[in-house]
Amino acid sequence: MLAGDSGSVPEIPAEFHDLFEKETYAHVVTMFPNGMPHVTPVWIDYDPEDDRLLVNTERHRCKAKNVSKNPAIAASMTDPDDPYRYLSVTGEVEEMTTEGAREHIDELSQRYFGKDYPVEIESERVVLRIRPERVFTANPN
């Protein structure tokens, strides 16, 4: 299924919201200044009230540096319980914020590890708020 081609603003379908409640990893693509893609696996979250994907990173990492120059981004994730069920989103980072970022990484760490974030923070945590422009899904069941 593809959403967002008809000129309407795509939304993450409700039947895929469960991906943000379990240990789903996403592969996020940002663009280096030379035009080459940078892909990295990340923890992924979702703000259903604002329909925004959330990626928490540190300011000094490639993802944050890349989107500060070019906000284009893509994220693809498969259901950890069914690898044929997936959600893929392309869009733009509309905001990179430190507000609540430290608390957010602890929330994500609780979901993925069952404890607060165990890694020393080297710079500053930021949340990338991603506005979907195209949404692709597959759900064979």
N, C-alpha and C. Protein backbone atom coordinates (compact mmCIF):
# COMPACT_ATOMS: atom_id res chain seq x y z
N MET A 1 0.85 -1.17 0.00
CA MET A 1 0.00 0.00 0.00
C MET A 1 0.89 1.24 0.00
N LEU A 2 0.49 2.25 -0.70
CA LEU A 2 1.22 3.52 -0.75
C LEU A 2 0.26 4.63 -0.40
N ALA A 3 0.69 5.49 0.51
CA ALA A 3 -0.11 6.67 0.86
C ALA A 3 0.71 7.90 0.54
N GLY A 4 0.05 8.97 0.16
CA GLY A 4 0.75 10.23 -0.04
C GLY A 4 0.95 10.62 -1.48
N ASP A 5 0.49 9.82 -2.44
CA ASP A 5 0.64 10.17 -3.84
C ASP A 5 -0.50 11.04 -4.37
N SER A 6 -1.61 11.07 -3.67
CA SER A 6 -2.78 11.78 -4.18
C SER A 6 -2.82 13.24 -3.78
N GLY A 7 -1.71 13.74 -3.26
CA GLY A 7 -1.70 15.12 -2.82
C GLY A 7 -2.13 15.27 -1.37
N SER A 8 -2.68 14.20 -0.79
CA SER A 8 -3.07 14.26 0.61
C SER A 8 -1.84 14.00 1.49
N VAL A 9 -1.94 14.43 2.73
CA VAL A 9 -0.87 14.19 3.67
C VAL A 9 -1.01 12.75 4.18
N PRO A 10 0.02 11.92 4.00
CA PRO A 10 -0.11 10.53 4.44
C PRO A 10 -0.04 10.42 5.95
N GLU A 11 -0.61 9.38 6.47
CA GLU A 11 -0.55 9.10 7.89
C GLU A 11 -0.04 7.68 8.06
N ILE A 12 0.56 7.43 9.22
CA ILE A 12 0.95 6.08 9.55
C ILE A 12 -0.35 5.33 9.85
N PRO A 13 -0.66 4.27 9.11
CA PRO A 13 -1.92 3.55 9.33
C PRO A 13 -2.01 3.00 10.76
N ALA A 14 -3.19 3.09 11.33
CA ALA A 14 -3.40 2.65 12.72
C ALA A 14 -3.00 1.19 12.91
N GLU A 15 -3.18 0.35 11.90
CA GLU A 15 -2.85 -1.06 12.06
C GLU A 15 -1.34 -1.32 12.13
N PHE A 16 -0.52 -0.26 11.99
CA PHE A 16 0.94 -0.38 12.12
C PHE A 16 1.46 0.33 13.37
N HIS A 17 0.59 0.93 14.16
CA HIS A 17 1.03 1.62 15.38
C HIS A 17 1.67 0.66 16.38
N ASP A 18 1.30 -0.62 16.34
CA ASP A 18 1.88 -1.59 17.26
C ASP A 18 3.39 -1.74 17.07
N LEU A 19 3.91 -1.39 15.90
CA LEU A 19 5.36 -1.49 15.67
C LEU A 19 6.13 -0.59 16.62
N PHE A 20 5.49 0.46 17.11
CA PHE A 20 6.15 1.42 17.99
C PHE A 20 5.95 1.08 19.47
N GLU A 21 5.39 -0.09 19.73
CA GLU A 21 5.18 -0.55 21.10
C GLU A 21 6.07 -1.74 21.42
N LYS A 22 6.77 -2.27 20.41
CA LYS A 22 7.65 -3.41 20.63
C LYS A 22 9.06 -3.08 20.18
N GLU A 23 9.94 -4.03 20.23
CA GLU A 23 11.35 -3.82 19.91
C GLU A 23 11.57 -3.83 18.40
N THR A 24 10.99 -2.86 17.73
CA THR A 24 11.14 -2.73 16.29
C THR A 24 12.32 -1.82 16.00
N TYR A 25 13.22 -2.30 15.17
CA TYR A 25 14.36 -1.48 14.74
C TYR A 25 14.06 -0.93 13.35
N ALA A 26 14.48 0.30 13.13
CA ALA A 26 14.31 0.93 11.82
C ALA A 26 15.68 1.18 11.23
N HIS A 27 15.75 1.15 9.92
CA HIS A 27 16.95 1.60 9.22
C HIS A 27 16.62 2.97 8.65
N VAL A 28 17.41 3.95 9.08
CA VAL A 28 17.18 5.34 8.72
C VAL A 28 18.23 5.78 7.72
N VAL A 29 17.76 6.46 6.68
CA VAL A 29 18.65 6.97 5.64
C VAL A 29 18.65 8.49 5.67
N THR A 30 19.84 9.07 5.78
CA THR A 30 20.04 10.51 5.62
C THR A 30 21.06 10.69 4.51
N MET A 31 21.26 11.93 4.10
CA MET A 31 22.16 12.19 2.98
C MET A 31 23.38 12.98 3.43
N PHE A 32 24.58 12.45 3.12
CA PHE A 32 25.81 13.19 3.35
C PHE A 32 25.82 14.41 2.43
N PRO A 33 26.58 15.45 2.75
CA PRO A 33 26.65 16.64 1.89
C PRO A 33 27.09 16.34 0.45
N ASN A 34 27.84 15.26 0.24
CA ASN A 34 28.28 14.91 -1.12
C ASN A 34 27.22 14.12 -1.89
N GLY A 35 26.03 13.92 -1.29
CA GLY A 35 24.94 13.23 -1.98
C GLY A 35 24.88 11.73 -1.74
N MET A 36 25.85 11.17 -1.06
CA MET A 36 25.85 9.75 -0.76
C MET A 36 24.92 9.48 0.43
N PRO A 37 24.21 8.35 0.39
CA PRO A 37 23.32 8.02 1.50
C PRO A 37 24.09 7.47 2.70
N HIS A 38 23.54 7.72 3.88
CA HIS A 38 24.05 7.17 5.13
C HIS A 38 22.90 6.39 5.75
N VAL A 39 23.12 5.09 6.02
CA VAL A 39 22.08 4.23 6.57
C VAL A 39 22.54 3.72 7.93
N THR A 40 21.64 3.77 8.90
CA THR A 40 21.98 3.28 10.22
C THR A 40 20.75 2.68 10.90
N PRO A 41 20.92 1.58 11.65
CA PRO A 41 19.79 1.04 12.41
C PRO A 41 19.57 1.89 13.66
N VAL A 42 18.31 2.11 14.01
CA VAL A 42 17.96 2.95 15.16
C VAL A 42 16.75 2.38 15.88
N TRP A 43 16.60 2.82 17.13
CA TRP A 43 15.33 2.65 17.83
C TRP A 43 14.38 3.66 17.22
N ILE A 44 13.12 3.30 17.14
CA ILE A 44 12.14 4.18 16.47
C ILE A 44 10.94 4.38 17.39
N ASP A 45 10.34 5.56 17.29
CA ASP A 45 9.17 5.88 18.09
C ASP A 45 8.19 6.67 17.23
N TYR A 46 7.02 6.92 17.77
CA TYR A 46 5.96 7.56 17.00
C TYR A 46 5.12 8.44 17.91
N ASP A 47 4.79 9.61 17.44
CA ASP A 47 3.88 10.53 18.12
C ASP A 47 2.56 10.46 17.37
N PRO A 48 1.58 9.68 17.85
CA PRO A 48 0.32 9.51 17.11
C PRO A 48 -0.52 10.77 17.05
N GLU A 49 -0.39 11.66 18.05
CA GLU A 49 -1.18 12.88 18.05
C GLU A 49 -0.76 13.83 16.93
N ASP A 50 0.54 13.82 16.62
CA ASP A 50 1.08 14.72 15.59
C ASP A 50 1.45 13.98 14.31
N ASP A 51 1.30 12.64 14.30
CA ASP A 51 1.68 11.78 13.18
C ASP A 51 3.13 12.05 12.75
N ARG A 52 4.05 11.89 13.69
CA ARG A 52 5.47 12.09 13.42
C ARG A 52 6.27 10.91 13.93
N LEU A 53 7.19 10.43 13.09
CA LEU A 53 8.17 9.46 13.55
C LEU A 53 9.19 10.19 14.40
N LEU A 54 9.75 9.50 15.39
CA LEU A 54 10.73 10.10 16.28
C LEU A 54 11.98 9.25 16.31
N VAL A 55 13.11 9.88 16.08
CA VAL A 55 14.41 9.22 16.18
C VAL A 55 15.24 10.02 17.17
N ASN A 56 15.77 9.34 18.16
CA ASN A 56 16.58 9.98 19.19
C ASN A 56 18.05 9.68 18.90
N THR A 57 18.87 10.71 18.85
CA THR A 57 20.28 10.54 18.54
C THR A 57 21.08 11.58 19.30
N GLU A 58 22.37 11.62 19.07
CA GLU A 58 23.20 12.67 19.67
C GLU A 58 23.56 13.68 18.59
N ARG A 59 23.73 14.91 19.03
CA ARG A 59 23.98 16.01 18.10
C ARG A 59 25.23 15.80 17.23
N HIS A 60 26.24 15.11 17.75
CA HIS A 60 27.49 14.94 17.01
C HIS A 60 27.45 13.79 16.00
N ARG A 61 26.40 13.01 15.97
CA ARG A 61 26.34 11.86 15.07
C ARG A 61 25.95 12.27 13.66
N CYS A 62 26.30 11.40 12.71
CA CYS A 62 26.07 11.69 11.28
C CYS A 62 24.62 12.03 10.98
N LYS A 63 23.67 11.30 11.59
CA LYS A 63 22.25 11.56 11.31
C LYS A 63 21.90 13.01 11.58
N ALA A 64 22.26 13.49 12.77
CA ALA A 64 21.93 14.86 13.15
C ALA A 64 22.65 15.87 12.27
N LYS A 65 23.92 15.63 11.99
CA LYS A 65 24.67 16.55 11.13
C LYS A 65 24.08 16.58 9.73
N ASN A 66 23.74 15.41 9.20
CA ASN A 66 23.20 15.35 7.84
C ASN A 66 21.86 16.07 7.71
N VAL A 67 20.94 15.83 8.65
CA VAL A 67 19.61 16.44 8.51
C VAL A 67 19.63 17.93 8.81
N SER A 68 20.67 18.41 9.50
CA SER A 68 20.76 19.86 9.71
C SER A 68 21.11 20.58 8.41
N LYS A 69 21.70 19.84 7.46
CA LYS A 69 22.03 20.41 6.14
C LYS A 69 20.98 20.06 5.09
N ASN A 70 20.39 18.86 5.20
CA ASN A 70 19.39 18.38 4.26
C ASN A 70 18.37 17.58 5.05
N PRO A 71 17.14 18.07 5.22
CA PRO A 71 16.17 17.41 6.09
C PRO A 71 15.54 16.14 5.50
N ALA A 72 15.89 15.77 4.26
CA ALA A 72 15.33 14.56 3.66
C ALA A 72 15.76 13.33 4.47
N ILE A 73 14.81 12.44 4.69
CA ILE A 73 15.08 11.25 5.51
C ILE A 73 14.12 10.14 5.11
N ALA A 74 14.54 8.91 5.33
CA ALA A 74 13.68 7.75 5.11
C ALA A 74 13.91 6.77 6.25
N ALA A 75 12.87 6.03 6.59
CA ALA A 75 12.96 5.01 7.63
C ALA A 75 12.17 3.79 7.18
N SER A 76 12.77 2.63 7.35
CA SER A 76 12.11 1.38 6.99
C SER A 76 12.24 0.42 8.15
N MET A 77 11.13 -0.23 8.50
CA MET A 77 11.16 -1.16 9.61
C MET A 77 10.31 -2.38 9.30
N THR A 78 10.75 -3.52 9.80
CA THR A 78 9.97 -4.74 9.67
C THR A 78 9.47 -5.15 11.05
N ASP A 79 8.33 -5.78 11.06
CA ASP A 79 7.74 -6.27 12.30
C ASP A 79 8.66 -7.36 12.85
N PRO A 80 9.12 -7.23 14.10
CA PRO A 80 9.99 -8.27 14.66
C PRO A 80 9.32 -9.64 14.74
N ASP A 81 7.98 -9.67 14.68
CA ASP A 81 7.24 -10.94 14.74
C ASP A 81 6.87 -11.48 13.37
N ASP A 82 7.03 -10.67 12.32
CA ASP A 82 6.65 -11.08 10.96
C ASP A 82 7.46 -10.26 9.96
N PRO A 83 8.57 -10.80 9.46
CA PRO A 83 9.44 -10.02 8.58
C PRO A 83 8.82 -9.64 7.24
N TYR A 84 7.65 -10.18 6.91
CA TYR A 84 6.97 -9.80 5.67
C TYR A 84 6.02 -8.63 5.87
N ARG A 85 5.86 -8.22 7.10
CA ARG A 85 5.03 -7.05 7.43
C ARG A 85 5.97 -5.89 7.70
N TYR A 86 5.81 -4.82 6.91
CA TYR A 86 6.74 -3.70 7.09
C TYR A 86 6.06 -2.36 6.89
N LEU A 87 6.79 -1.34 7.37
CA LEU A 87 6.39 0.06 7.22
C LEU A 87 7.61 0.82 6.75
N SER A 88 7.45 1.61 5.71
CA SER A 88 8.53 2.43 5.19
C SER A 88 8.00 3.84 4.99
N VAL A 89 8.77 4.82 5.45
CA VAL A 89 8.34 6.21 5.41
C VAL A 89 9.45 7.06 4.82
N THR A 90 9.11 7.93 3.89
CA THR A 90 10.03 8.96 3.43
C THR A 90 9.42 10.30 3.80
N GLY A 91 10.27 11.24 4.13
CA GLY A 91 9.76 12.55 4.53
C GLY A 91 10.88 13.50 4.84
N GLU A 92 10.60 14.42 5.75
CA GLU A 92 11.58 15.43 6.15
C GLU A 92 11.59 15.57 7.66
N VAL A 93 12.77 15.87 8.17
CA VAL A 93 12.88 16.23 9.58
C VAL A 93 12.40 17.66 9.69
N GLU A 94 11.27 17.85 10.36
CA GLU A 94 10.73 19.20 10.49
C GLU A 94 11.25 19.90 11.73
N GLU A 95 11.81 19.12 12.66
CA GLU A 95 12.34 19.72 13.87
C GLU A 95 13.39 18.79 14.46
N MET A 96 14.46 19.38 14.96
CA MET A 96 15.46 18.67 15.75
C MET A 96 15.48 19.39 17.09
N THR A 97 15.03 18.70 18.14
CA THR A 97 14.84 19.36 19.42
C THR A 97 15.55 18.62 20.55
N THR A 98 16.02 19.37 21.53
CA THR A 98 16.59 18.78 22.73
C THR A 98 15.52 18.62 23.82
N GLU A 99 14.39 19.29 23.62
CA GLU A 99 13.32 19.27 24.63
C GLU A 99 12.82 17.84 24.86
N GLY A 100 13.01 17.35 26.08
CA GLY A 100 12.55 16.01 26.44
C GLY A 100 13.39 14.88 25.87
N ALA A 101 14.50 15.20 25.19
CA ALA A 101 15.29 14.17 24.50
C ALA A 101 15.93 13.19 25.48
N ARG A 102 16.42 13.69 26.61
CA ARG A 102 17.06 12.79 27.58
C ARG A 102 16.04 11.83 28.17
N GLU A 103 14.87 12.32 28.50
CA GLU A 103 13.81 11.46 29.04
C GLU A 103 13.33 10.47 27.97
N HIS A 104 13.27 10.93 26.73
CA HIS A 104 12.82 10.09 25.63
C HIS A 104 13.76 8.90 25.40
N ILE A 105 15.08 9.13 25.48
CA ILE A 105 16.01 8.01 25.26
C ILE A 105 15.88 6.99 26.39
N ASP A 106 15.57 7.44 27.61
CA ASP A 106 15.33 6.49 28.70
C ASP A 106 14.04 5.69 28.46
N GLU A 107 13.00 6.34 27.93
CA GLU A 107 11.76 5.62 27.60
C GLU A 107 12.02 4.56 26.54
N LEU A 108 12.76 4.94 25.50
CA LEU A 108 13.09 3.97 24.46
C LEU A 108 13.93 2.82 25.02
N SER A 109 14.89 3.15 25.86
CA SER A 109 15.75 2.13 26.45
C SER A 109 14.94 1.16 27.31
N GLN A 110 13.92 1.66 27.99
CA GLN A 110 13.04 0.78 28.77
C GLN A 110 12.34 -0.22 27.84
N ARG A 111 11.90 0.26 26.67
CA ARG A 111 11.22 -0.63 25.72
C ARG A 111 12.18 -1.68 25.16
N TYR A 112 13.39 -1.26 24.80
CA TYR A 112 14.33 -2.15 24.13
C TYR A 112 15.19 -2.97 25.09
N PHE A 113 15.54 -2.41 26.26
CA PHE A 113 16.44 -3.09 27.20
C PHE A 113 15.83 -3.38 28.56
N GLY A 114 14.71 -2.73 28.89
CA GLY A 114 14.11 -2.91 30.20
C GLY A 114 14.79 -2.11 31.30
N LYS A 115 15.60 -1.11 30.92
CA LYS A 115 16.27 -0.25 31.90
C LYS A 115 16.59 1.09 31.25
N ASP A 116 16.95 2.09 32.08
CA ASP A 116 17.31 3.40 31.54
C ASP A 116 18.53 3.27 30.62
N TYR A 117 18.71 4.25 29.77
CA TYR A 117 19.78 4.26 28.77
C TYR A 117 21.14 4.07 29.43
N PRO A 118 21.85 2.99 29.08
CA PRO A 118 23.09 2.66 29.79
C PRO A 118 24.37 3.25 29.19
N VAL A 119 24.26 3.99 28.09
CA VAL A 119 25.44 4.49 27.39
C VAL A 119 25.71 5.94 27.80
N GLU A 120 26.98 6.26 28.00
CA GLU A 120 27.34 7.64 28.35
C GLU A 120 27.02 8.56 27.17
N ILE A 121 26.41 9.68 27.47
CA ILE A 121 26.06 10.64 26.43
C ILE A 121 27.28 11.52 26.18
N GLU A 122 27.74 11.52 24.92
CA GLU A 122 28.97 12.23 24.56
C GLU A 122 28.75 13.70 24.25
N SER A 123 27.61 14.02 23.67
CA SER A 123 27.35 15.43 23.32
C SER A 123 26.02 15.84 23.92
N GLU A 124 24.97 15.82 23.14
CA GLU A 124 23.65 16.25 23.60
C GLU A 124 22.62 15.42 22.86
N ARG A 125 21.63 14.89 23.58
CA ARG A 125 20.56 14.11 22.94
C ARG A 125 19.63 15.07 22.20
N VAL A 126 19.19 14.64 21.02
CA VAL A 126 18.21 15.38 20.24
C VAL A 126 17.18 14.40 19.70
N VAL A 127 15.98 14.88 19.50
CA VAL A 127 14.92 14.09 18.87
C VAL A 127 14.67 14.67 17.49
N LEU A 128 14.74 13.80 16.47
CA LEU A 128 14.39 14.18 15.11
C LEU A 128 12.91 13.89 14.93
N ARG A 129 12.12 14.91 14.65
CA ARG A 129 10.68 14.76 14.41
C ARG A 129 10.48 14.72 12.90
N ILE A 130 10.03 13.56 12.41
CA ILE A 130 9.95 13.30 10.97
C ILE A 130 8.51 13.39 10.49
N ARG A 131 8.27 14.28 9.55
CA ARG A 131 6.95 14.43 8.92
C ARG A 131 6.87 13.49 7.72
N PRO A 132 5.96 12.51 7.73
CA PRO A 132 5.83 11.59 6.59
C PRO A 132 5.32 12.31 5.34
N GLU A 133 5.94 12.01 4.22
CA GLU A 133 5.46 12.50 2.93
C GLU A 133 4.97 11.33 2.06
N ARG A 134 5.58 10.18 2.24
CA ARG A 134 5.13 8.96 1.57
C ARG A 134 5.21 7.83 2.58
N VAL A 135 4.20 6.98 2.58
CA VAL A 135 4.13 5.87 3.49
C VAL A 135 3.86 4.60 2.67
N PHE A 136 4.72 3.61 2.84
CA PHE A 136 4.57 2.32 2.16
C PHE A 136 4.40 1.25 3.22
N THR A 137 3.47 0.32 3.00
CA THR A 137 3.25 -0.75 3.96
C THR A 137 3.05 -2.07 3.23
N ALA A 138 3.29 -3.14 3.94
CA ALA A 138 2.95 -4.49 3.48
C ALA A 138 2.49 -5.27 4.68
N ASN A 139 1.39 -5.96 4.53
CA ASN A 139 0.84 -6.78 5.61
C ASN A 139 0.19 -7.99 4.97
N PRO A 140 0.97 -9.06 4.77
CA PRO A 140 0.43 -10.22 4.05
C PRO A 140 -0.63 -11.00 4.80
N ASN A 141 -0.78 -10.73 6.09
CA ASN A 141 -1.78 -11.50 6.88
C ASN A 141 -3.09 -10.80 6.95
